[in-house]
Structure formats: structure tokens, C-alpha cells
């Protein structure tokens, strides 16, 4: 599998020597092939079962099929990001709310951006970094997984720094990045039980959510924004929302606000939420364990 991914990346280097429109068309075609293959494997059944577990009223197999299609293209974009130039970014990403990000960074305290495993969340950091913003992303990876080494190469494109909570002190490294007035990206829909957390209502269930970012934002007094990436056709729309500030008295209000915002997107467009690929995390979410 790893060898195939590496071969794929090498082959696509040559494709991106072609005019941007043609190179991206080939990338889109390759994603279509992946989608047609995966939709006929047991993966679709697993995804549909996870969807039914969390959102029983949905047409699970239809949503699973669309999720596989969206994710296939996102995977291709992640693998090809190292070859993207300005024209590729312009054809693949659009931005909403950059003025809100600029306003928050003008405070000179850095910015925490919260997002989730939704749409092409992986490449949203690259897209923002491409515009000249300095980004540090907090993640949790197994350093011995060779696939992660490939993905992390793409994650670093644009000068992005990575903080691996398996190896680094998240609080210390994130605080340093904020002191440099950088963006600190944090995913909030997994790994809650491995860190400080509390339970909230999400999709009509009691779900554990990490709260370390609340403490960090309160101590550093930096703005916190949310970001979501929604695909429309072949274009990823990176949407940034109004900033908030965390204080000792509004922690519950803040966490509820961000949770409700993310929940709205999942309810309206569940075909973008990659959590449904993860049977283990889905069951933990449903069971609150």
C-alpha cells in the first residue's frame, strides 16, 4: 500500500508539469477511479453502518457513497499538494472570512483555529499558508506509521509546522507559536478521552470533547476562530467564522457555540464528515466512552 502511494506521488509529479487545467483534470479523473473502486468494497458497508449508528434517519448508503466520492478527491488533493503552484491553488480553493482572520491576528497574540474532520480539512492549512499566513497544526500521529510520513510531507507544504501530541508538549509548543503571532490549528472531534475533556450534547448524544484549547486560549488571551472546508464541485471553500475570546466566566458558552456551529454543518451535509470512516471513534462517540 505504502509503495503504491509513493509510486502514485512520483507519477503525478510529471502530470503537474502540464498546464494547470489539464493537470487538475487528470487528478479529478484519478479520484473518480478511486471512488468507483472503493464504493464496491466493504468500506462502503462499514461507512453506511457508522452513519446509521450516529444518524439513523439518514439514507445511509446514499450518504456513504457521496462521502466516499468527496473523500477520494480530497485524498488526491492531499497527495498532490506538494506539486501545487499558484494557479492550482486558485482553481482548487476559495476563501470566505479572511478579513476576520486578519482582524484577529492584528491583536498580535496569535490565533487558535478550531476545525474538524470535515471536507478536505487536511489541505485547508496548506491553502491558508499559501496566502502567506504562518501556521502550526496540532495533531496526533504514530511516528512509526510510514503512511503518516507521506501525509506529513504534504501537511508541511507552505512552511507549516507540526506539533505531534504523541511526542511534543501541545500546550508549550502551541503557546510558543501564538507568541510568534501564528495560527494554531486544532482538530476537536477526536482524541477527547486522551486529554482534558468534558461531555456535551452533539447530534442528540453525550459526546466527549477536548477542552485543552479552552485553557490555552484563556491563558494566552488570544482569539479563537472556527474554520470549515466545504466542497462545491471541484472547489474547496475555506470558511472562517467570527472570533471569540475565552474567559473564566464564558468557557461553557464558548464550547457550546463552537459545538453547535460544527453540528449544524454535520446535520446539513453529513456526506463531508470523515468520522464515519472510523468505526472505533464512531462507537466511542455514540457510547460516550
Protein backbone atom coordinates (compact mmCIF):
# COMPACT_ATOMS: atom_id res chain seq x y z
CA UNK A 1 0.00 0.00 0.00
CA UNK A 2 2.76 2.42 1.01
CA UNK A 3 4.75 1.58 -2.10
CA UNK A 4 1.69 2.24 -4.29
CA UNK A 5 1.14 5.65 -2.67
CA UNK A 6 4.78 6.59 -3.20
CA UNK A 7 4.67 5.48 -6.84
CA UNK A 8 1.47 7.46 -7.30
CA UNK A 9 3.06 10.63 -5.96
CA UNK A 10 6.09 10.26 -8.24
CA UNK A 11 3.89 9.72 -11.30
CA UNK A 12 1.82 12.79 -10.54
CA UNK A 13 4.91 15.00 -10.36
CA UNK A 14 5.15 14.72 -14.14
CA UNK A 15 1.45 15.45 -14.60
CA UNK A 16 1.81 18.77 -12.80
CA UNK A 17 4.26 19.91 -15.46
CA UNK A 18 1.22 20.17 -17.72
CA UNK A 19 -0.99 23.29 -17.83
CA UNK A 20 -2.89 23.63 -14.51
CA UNK A 21 -6.32 22.97 -16.02
CA UNK A 22 -5.14 19.71 -17.59
CA UNK A 23 -3.17 18.56 -14.54
CA UNK A 24 -6.15 19.10 -12.25
CA UNK A 25 -8.48 17.37 -14.71
CA UNK A 26 -6.24 14.28 -14.60
CA UNK A 27 -6.20 14.47 -10.79
CA UNK A 28 -10.01 14.64 -10.76
CA UNK A 29 -10.22 11.67 -13.11
CA UNK A 30 -7.90 9.65 -10.86
CA UNK A 31 -10.09 10.46 -7.86
CA UNK A 32 -13.13 9.25 -9.81
CA UNK A 33 -11.40 5.92 -10.44
CA UNK A 34 -10.57 5.56 -6.75
CA UNK A 35 -14.18 6.33 -5.86
CA UNK A 36 -15.53 3.71 -8.29
CA UNK A 37 -13.22 1.10 -6.80
CA UNK A 38 -13.81 1.90 -3.12
CA UNK A 39 -17.60 2.12 -3.41
CA UNK A 40 -17.61 -1.57 -4.39
CA UNK A 41 -15.58 -2.70 -1.38
CA UNK A 42 -16.68 -3.46 2.20
CA UNK A 43 -15.66 0.09 3.11
CA UNK A 44 -18.99 1.41 1.88
CA UNK A 45 -20.89 -1.01 4.11
CA UNK A 46 -18.78 -0.03 7.12
CA UNK A 47 -19.30 3.68 6.48
CA UNK A 48 -23.05 3.21 5.97
CA UNK A 49 -23.26 1.26 9.22
CA UNK A 50 -21.45 4.04 11.09
CA UNK A 51 -23.76 6.65 9.60
CA UNK A 52 -26.82 4.66 10.64
CA UNK A 53 -25.39 4.32 14.13
CA UNK A 54 -24.99 8.07 14.59
CA UNK A 55 -27.78 9.46 12.40
CA UNK A 56 -30.36 6.66 11.98
CA UNK A 57 -32.82 8.74 9.96
CA UNK A 58 -30.44 9.27 7.03
CA UNK A 59 -30.34 7.18 3.82
CA UNK A 60 -27.08 5.68 5.00
CA UNK A 61 -25.84 4.01 1.81
CA UNK A 62 -26.52 7.10 -0.30
CA UNK A 63 -24.67 9.34 2.14
CA UNK A 64 -21.82 6.80 2.36
CA UNK A 65 -21.49 6.77 -1.41
CA UNK A 66 -21.27 10.55 -1.59
CA UNK A 67 -18.81 10.66 1.32
CA UNK A 68 -16.54 8.18 -0.46
CA UNK A 69 -16.71 10.29 -3.61
CA UNK A 70 -15.85 13.52 -1.76
CA UNK A 71 -13.08 11.88 0.23
CA UNK A 72 -11.49 10.29 -2.85
CA UNK A 73 -10.94 13.73 -4.33
CA UNK A 74 -9.66 15.11 -1.01
CA UNK A 75 -7.11 12.29 -0.80
CA UNK A 76 -5.83 13.09 -4.29
CA UNK A 77 -5.53 16.77 -3.36
CA UNK A 78 -3.56 15.93 -0.22
CA UNK A 79 -1.13 13.75 -2.18
CA UNK A 80 -0.74 16.34 -4.95
CA UNK A 81 -0.40 19.44 -2.74
CA UNK A 82 3.44 19.21 -2.89
CA UNK A 83 3.18 19.93 -6.63
CA UNK A 84 0.63 22.74 -6.41
CA UNK A 85 1.58 26.16 -7.70
CA UNK A 86 -0.37 29.39 -7.51
CA UNK A 87 -2.66 28.51 -10.42
CA UNK A 88 -3.54 25.13 -8.88
CA UNK A 89 -4.43 26.72 -5.56
CA UNK A 90 -6.56 29.35 -7.27
CA UNK A 91 -8.56 26.69 -9.10
CA UNK A 92 -8.92 24.44 -6.04
CA UNK A 93 -9.56 26.80 -3.11
CA UNK A 94 -11.79 29.79 -2.44
CA UNK A 95 -11.85 31.73 0.82
CA UNK A 96 -14.60 33.26 2.92
CA UNK A 97 -13.84 35.33 6.02
CA UNK A 98 -10.14 36.09 5.61
CA UNK A 99 -10.85 39.60 6.89
CA UNK A 100 -11.95 38.01 10.19
CA UNK A 101 -8.64 36.17 10.42
CA UNK A 102 -6.69 39.35 9.69
CA UNK A 103 -8.64 41.22 12.36
CA UNK A 104 -7.87 38.53 14.92
CA UNK A 105 -4.16 38.43 14.05
CA UNK A 106 -4.00 42.21 14.38
CA UNK A 107 -4.24 41.70 18.15
CA UNK A 108 -0.68 40.25 17.98
CA UNK A 109 -1.49 37.34 20.29
CA UNK A 110 -1.75 34.63 17.68
CA UNK A 111 -4.96 32.85 16.76
CA UNK A 112 -6.37 29.41 17.54
CA UNK A 113 -8.41 27.96 14.68
CA UNK A 114 -10.68 25.06 15.51
CA UNK A 115 -11.78 22.66 12.81
CA UNK A 116 -12.92 19.06 12.42
CA UNK A 117 -12.51 16.06 10.12
CA UNK A 118 -14.83 17.61 7.58
CA UNK A 119 -14.32 18.07 3.85
CA UNK A 120 -10.69 18.47 2.86
CA UNK A 121 -9.64 19.64 6.31
CA UNK A 122 -6.11 18.36 5.65
CA UNK A 123 -5.37 20.79 2.83
CA UNK A 124 -7.11 23.83 4.32
CA UNK A 125 -3.94 24.57 6.29
CA UNK A 126 -1.87 24.43 3.09
CA UNK A 127 -4.34 26.75 1.38
CA UNK A 128 -4.12 29.30 4.18
CA UNK A 129 -0.32 29.01 4.38
CA UNK A 130 -0.14 29.54 0.60
CA UNK A 131 -1.58 33.02 1.18
CA UNK A 132 1.34 33.87 3.46
CA UNK A 133 -0.10 33.07 6.88
CA UNK A 134 2.15 31.25 9.35
CA UNK A 135 0.55 28.05 10.57
CA UNK A 136 1.28 25.50 13.28
CA UNK A 137 -1.02 22.46 13.31
CA UNK A 138 -1.57 20.28 16.36
CA UNK A 139 -2.12 16.60 15.54
CA UNK A 140 -1.77 13.12 16.94
CA UNK A 141 0.24 10.67 14.82
CA UNK A 142 2.06 7.40 15.18
CA UNK A 143 5.60 8.27 14.14
CA UNK A 144 6.20 4.64 13.16
CA UNK A 145 3.40 4.63 10.58
CA UNK A 146 5.07 5.02 7.13
CA UNK A 147 1.81 6.31 5.63
CA UNK A 148 1.85 9.22 8.08
CA UNK A 149 5.33 10.15 6.89
CA UNK A 150 3.90 10.65 3.40
CA UNK A 151 0.87 12.58 4.64
CA UNK A 152 3.02 14.74 6.93
CA UNK A 153 5.16 15.74 3.96
CA UNK A 154 2.03 17.25 2.41
CA UNK A 155 0.96 18.73 5.74
CA UNK A 156 4.21 20.73 5.93
CA UNK A 157 3.87 22.30 2.49
CA UNK A 158 3.79 26.07 2.78
CA UNK A 159 6.11 26.08 5.79
CA UNK A 160 3.52 24.63 8.17
CA UNK A 161 4.91 23.43 11.50
CA UNK A 162 3.52 20.25 13.06
CA UNK A 163 3.09 19.55 16.76
CA UNK A 164 2.58 15.83 17.42
CA UNK A 165 0.92 15.32 20.80
CA UNK A 166 2.47 11.84 20.94
CA UNK A 167 5.92 13.43 21.13
CA UNK A 168 5.55 17.12 21.95
CA UNK A 169 4.02 19.14 24.75
CA UNK A 170 1.00 20.55 22.94
CA UNK A 171 0.45 23.38 25.40
CA UNK A 172 4.07 24.56 25.39
CA UNK A 173 4.58 24.36 21.61
CA UNK A 174 1.22 25.95 20.82
CA UNK A 175 1.91 28.80 23.26
CA UNK A 176 5.25 29.47 21.52
CA UNK A 177 3.52 29.61 18.14
CA UNK A 178 0.89 32.02 19.48
CA UNK A 179 3.65 34.20 20.90
CA UNK A 180 5.04 34.39 17.35
CA UNK A 181 1.57 35.56 16.25
CA UNK A 182 0.95 32.40 14.26
CA UNK A 183 -2.21 30.43 13.57
CA UNK A 184 -2.54 27.29 15.69
CA UNK A 185 -4.86 24.74 14.07
CA UNK A 186 -6.60 22.19 16.31
CA UNK A 187 -8.98 19.35 15.41
CA UNK A 188 -11.64 18.97 18.09
CA UNK A 189 -13.68 15.92 17.06
CA UNK A 190 -11.28 13.10 18.05
CA UNK A 191 -8.92 12.17 20.86
CA UNK A 192 -11.00 13.80 23.59
CA UNK A 193 -10.67 10.97 26.10
CA UNK A 194 -6.87 11.06 25.82
CA UNK A 195 -6.77 14.63 27.12
CA UNK A 196 -8.76 17.05 29.26
CA UNK A 197 -12.37 16.80 28.23
CA UNK A 198 -16.00 17.21 29.14
CA UNK A 199 -19.28 15.93 27.75
CA UNK A 200 -21.62 17.98 25.58
CA UNK A 201 -24.77 17.36 23.57
CA UNK A 202 -23.85 16.68 19.94
CA UNK A 203 -26.12 15.00 17.39
CA UNK A 204 -28.50 14.09 20.21
CA UNK A 205 -25.79 12.23 22.11
CA UNK A 206 -23.47 12.93 25.02
CA UNK A 207 -20.10 13.28 23.36
CA UNK A 208 -16.68 13.83 25.00
CA UNK A 209 -14.85 16.86 23.64
CA UNK A 210 -11.31 18.04 24.36
CA UNK A 211 -11.03 21.26 26.35
CA UNK A 212 -7.29 21.91 26.40
CA UNK A 213 -7.71 24.61 23.76
CA UNK A 214 -10.06 26.49 26.09
CA UNK A 215 -7.42 26.67 28.79
CA UNK A 216 -4.75 27.66 26.28
CA UNK A 217 -6.88 30.44 24.78
CA UNK A 218 -7.81 31.74 28.24
CA UNK A 219 -4.22 31.86 29.50
CA UNK A 220 -2.75 33.40 26.35
CA UNK A 221 -5.80 35.67 25.82
CA UNK A 222 -5.76 35.00 22.09
CA UNK A 223 -8.76 34.99 19.73
CA UNK A 224 -10.37 31.67 18.80
CA UNK A 225 -11.98 31.16 15.40
CA UNK A 226 -13.60 28.18 13.73
CA UNK A 227 -12.95 27.02 10.17
CA UNK A 228 -14.79 24.56 7.98
CA UNK A 229 -13.97 23.39 4.46
CA UNK A 230 -16.93 22.67 2.19
CA UNK A 231 -16.56 21.27 -1.30
CA UNK A 232 -18.67 22.57 -4.17
CA UNK A 233 -17.82 20.57 -7.25
CA UNK A 234 -14.03 20.58 -7.55
CA UNK A 235 -13.56 23.69 -5.42
CA UNK A 236 -12.93 23.72 -1.66
CA UNK A 237 -14.47 26.70 0.10
CA UNK A 238 -12.44 27.50 3.22
CA UNK A 239 -14.88 29.31 5.51
CA UNK A 240 -13.67 31.24 8.56
CA UNK A 241 -16.04 32.48 11.25
CA UNK A 242 -16.06 35.38 13.72
CA UNK A 243 -13.52 35.25 16.56
CA UNK A 244 -14.32 34.81 20.24
CA UNK A 245 -12.25 35.27 23.39
CA UNK A 246 -12.26 32.76 26.22
CA UNK A 247 -12.53 33.96 29.80
CA UNK A 248 -13.01 32.16 33.07
CA UNK A 249 -16.71 33.02 33.01
CA UNK A 250 -17.66 32.12 29.44
CA UNK A 251 -15.98 28.75 28.86
CA UNK A 252 -19.25 26.83 28.71
CA UNK A 253 -20.84 29.37 26.41
CA UNK A 254 -17.85 29.27 24.04
CA UNK A 255 -17.65 25.49 23.80
CA UNK A 256 -21.39 25.25 23.20
CA UNK A 257 -21.22 27.91 20.48
CA UNK A 258 -18.46 26.16 18.55
CA UNK A 259 -20.06 22.75 19.01
CA UNK A 260 -23.43 24.00 17.72
CA UNK A 261 -21.73 25.55 14.72
CA UNK A 262 -19.97 22.31 13.75
CA UNK A 263 -23.09 20.27 14.47
CA UNK A 264 -25.06 22.40 12.01
CA UNK A 265 -22.68 21.52 9.19
CA UNK A 266 -22.76 17.80 10.01
CA UNK A 267 -26.55 17.75 10.10
CA UNK A 268 -26.89 19.64 6.83
CA UNK A 269 -24.08 17.89 4.96
CA UNK A 270 -23.10 14.59 6.65
CA UNK A 271 -21.50 13.47 3.38
CA UNK A 272 -18.43 15.54 4.29
CA UNK A 273 -17.77 14.21 7.80
CA UNK A 274 -14.87 11.77 7.64
CA UNK A 275 -15.55 10.49 11.15
CA UNK A 276 -17.89 7.97 9.56
CA UNK A 277 -14.87 6.13 8.13
CA UNK A 278 -13.62 5.44 11.67
CA UNK A 279 -15.64 2.67 13.27
CA UNK A 280 -13.70 2.85 16.53
CA UNK A 281 -14.16 6.60 17.02
CA UNK A 282 -17.80 6.44 15.90
CA UNK A 283 -18.65 3.83 18.51
CA UNK A 284 -16.78 5.75 21.17
CA UNK A 285 -18.74 8.87 20.27
CA UNK A 286 -22.07 7.07 20.38
CA UNK A 287 -21.27 5.30 23.65
CA UNK A 288 -19.55 8.29 25.23
CA UNK A 289 -16.55 6.12 26.08
